[in-house]
């Protein structure tokens, strides 16, 4: 039996290396994305890759660090720390060249050796304040 924590950790290692395609290969075909504020989940690897690309477009040097990771049964919880420089447009906000730092607490469901579903809770308010509030 595959270790779900190892599956999620490996996916994040590939993402940190900048290989979104290799990371997406660690997702099931019908990957489910649960985002705060959306009434229904989103489905598919391409949706996930779109979100990753949006982050990379806004923060090309984005670094992701796993602060905590643990699992039970088929679920894995991860506390993440993100940091980077806002050098591209992100959610219609032009580049500010500011350094940003934010966190996210995410839960993943693993099927075999692939990630089947995610529930993400990034601190988007904190991130947006860093790139929109005048200094």
Protein backbone atom coordinates (compact mmCIF):
# COMPACT_ATOMS: atom_id res chain seq x y z
CA UNK A 1 0.00 0.00 0.00
CA UNK A 2 1.28 3.45 -0.95
CA UNK A 3 1.93 5.97 1.82
CA UNK A 4 -0.44 8.95 1.19
CA UNK A 5 1.93 11.40 2.92
CA UNK A 6 4.76 10.32 0.60
CA UNK A 7 2.51 10.79 -2.45
CA UNK A 8 1.62 14.37 -1.46
CA UNK A 9 5.20 15.22 -0.45
CA UNK A 10 6.52 13.99 -3.82
CA UNK A 11 3.93 16.09 -5.69
CA UNK A 12 5.02 19.20 -3.79
CA UNK A 13 8.68 18.44 -4.48
CA UNK A 14 7.95 18.32 -8.21
CA UNK A 15 5.95 21.55 -7.97
CA UNK A 16 8.78 23.26 -6.07
CA UNK A 17 11.17 22.17 -8.83
CA UNK A 18 8.94 24.06 -11.28
CA UNK A 19 7.62 20.95 -13.05
CA UNK A 20 3.84 21.45 -12.97
CA UNK A 21 3.35 18.75 -15.61
CA UNK A 22 5.15 16.13 -13.50
CA UNK A 23 3.14 17.25 -10.50
CA UNK A 24 -0.11 17.02 -12.49
CA UNK A 25 0.78 13.42 -13.36
CA UNK A 26 0.45 12.70 -9.63
CA UNK A 27 -3.24 13.73 -9.83
CA UNK A 28 -6.10 11.46 -10.85
CA UNK A 29 -7.74 12.13 -14.23
CA UNK A 30 -10.88 13.41 -12.48
CA UNK A 31 -9.01 15.43 -9.83
CA UNK A 32 -11.39 17.48 -7.66
CA UNK A 33 -10.50 21.02 -6.52
CA UNK A 34 -12.46 22.47 -3.58
CA UNK A 35 -11.89 26.22 -3.26
CA UNK A 36 -13.29 28.53 -0.57
CA UNK A 37 -16.13 30.67 -1.87
CA UNK A 38 -17.07 28.46 -4.81
CA UNK A 39 -20.48 26.78 -4.59
CA UNK A 40 -19.30 23.65 -6.43
CA UNK A 41 -15.97 21.88 -6.76
CA UNK A 42 -13.91 22.18 -9.94
CA UNK A 43 -12.71 19.08 -11.80
CA UNK A 44 -9.64 18.05 -13.74
CA UNK A 45 -5.90 18.36 -13.97
CA UNK A 46 -6.19 21.29 -16.38
CA UNK A 47 -8.09 23.38 -13.79
CA UNK A 48 -5.34 22.66 -11.28
CA UNK A 49 -2.63 23.57 -13.80
CA UNK A 50 -4.47 26.82 -14.63
CA UNK A 51 -4.34 27.82 -10.94
CA UNK A 52 -0.65 26.96 -10.68
CA UNK A 53 0.11 28.94 -13.83
CA UNK A 54 -1.78 31.97 -12.49
CA UNK A 55 0.41 31.89 -9.37
CA UNK A 56 3.60 31.42 -11.42
CA UNK A 57 2.62 34.28 -13.77
CA UNK A 58 2.23 36.66 -10.83
CA UNK A 59 5.09 35.29 -8.73
CA UNK A 60 7.64 33.59 -11.03
CA UNK A 61 10.08 32.98 -8.16
CA UNK A 62 7.40 31.49 -5.88
CA UNK A 63 8.84 29.17 -3.25
CA UNK A 64 6.72 26.63 -1.39
CA UNK A 65 7.81 25.14 1.93
CA UNK A 66 5.98 22.40 3.78
CA UNK A 67 5.80 23.45 7.43
CA UNK A 68 3.76 20.44 8.62
CA UNK A 69 2.47 17.32 6.91
CA UNK A 70 0.63 14.36 8.39
CA UNK A 71 -1.97 11.85 7.35
CA UNK A 72 -4.64 9.42 8.46
CA UNK A 73 -6.14 6.77 6.20
CA UNK A 74 -6.44 8.35 2.72
CA UNK A 75 -6.24 12.00 3.92
CA UNK A 76 -3.17 14.19 4.20
CA UNK A 77 -3.06 17.61 5.89
CA UNK A 78 -0.39 20.10 4.89
CA UNK A 79 0.50 23.52 6.30
CA UNK A 80 2.39 25.46 3.64
CA UNK A 81 4.42 28.65 3.54
CA UNK A 82 4.67 30.55 0.24
CA UNK A 83 7.08 33.36 -0.57
CA UNK A 84 7.95 35.20 -3.74
CA UNK A 85 8.12 38.48 -5.62
CA UNK A 86 5.10 40.01 -7.34
CA UNK A 87 6.70 40.63 -10.75
CA UNK A 88 3.72 39.76 -12.95
CA UNK A 89 0.01 40.46 -13.05
CA UNK A 90 -1.98 38.47 -10.49
CA UNK A 91 -5.78 38.67 -10.31
CA UNK A 92 -5.73 41.88 -12.36
CA UNK A 93 -3.16 43.52 -10.06
CA UNK A 94 -0.11 44.68 -12.07
CA UNK A 95 3.35 43.85 -10.78
CA UNK A 96 4.35 45.74 -7.64
CA UNK A 97 7.76 44.06 -7.25
CA UNK A 98 6.93 43.51 -3.59
CA UNK A 99 8.07 40.50 -1.63
CA UNK A 100 5.11 38.45 -0.38
CA UNK A 101 4.65 35.75 2.21
CA UNK A 102 1.46 33.82 2.92
CA UNK A 103 0.28 30.48 4.24
CA UNK A 104 -2.22 27.83 3.31
CA UNK A 105 -3.66 24.84 5.16
CA UNK A 106 -4.73 22.15 2.73
CA UNK A 107 -6.22 18.66 2.91
CA UNK A 108 -5.69 16.05 0.21
CA UNK A 109 -7.42 12.74 -0.48
CA UNK A 110 -5.18 10.10 -2.01
CA UNK A 111 -6.29 7.12 -4.12
CA UNK A 112 -3.50 4.58 -4.53
CA UNK A 113 -0.46 6.51 -5.70
CA UNK A 114 -2.37 9.58 -6.96
CA UNK A 115 -3.99 12.62 -5.38
CA UNK A 116 -7.74 12.55 -6.05
CA UNK A 117 -9.02 15.66 -4.27
CA UNK A 118 -7.90 18.80 -2.51
CA UNK A 119 -9.45 21.30 -0.12
CA UNK A 120 -7.27 24.42 -0.06
CA UNK A 121 -7.47 27.35 2.34
CA UNK A 122 -4.85 29.90 1.26
CA UNK A 123 -4.64 33.25 3.02
CA UNK A 124 -5.71 35.12 -0.10
CA UNK A 125 -6.78 38.18 1.87
CA UNK A 126 -3.31 38.47 3.35
CA UNK A 127 -1.71 37.97 -0.05
CA UNK A 128 -3.93 40.55 -1.76
CA UNK A 129 -3.28 43.09 1.00
CA UNK A 130 0.45 42.73 0.39
CA UNK A 131 0.10 43.59 -3.31
CA UNK A 132 -2.71 46.17 -3.18
CA UNK A 133 -2.21 48.26 -0.04
CA UNK A 134 -0.12 51.39 -0.65
CA UNK A 135 3.12 51.54 1.29
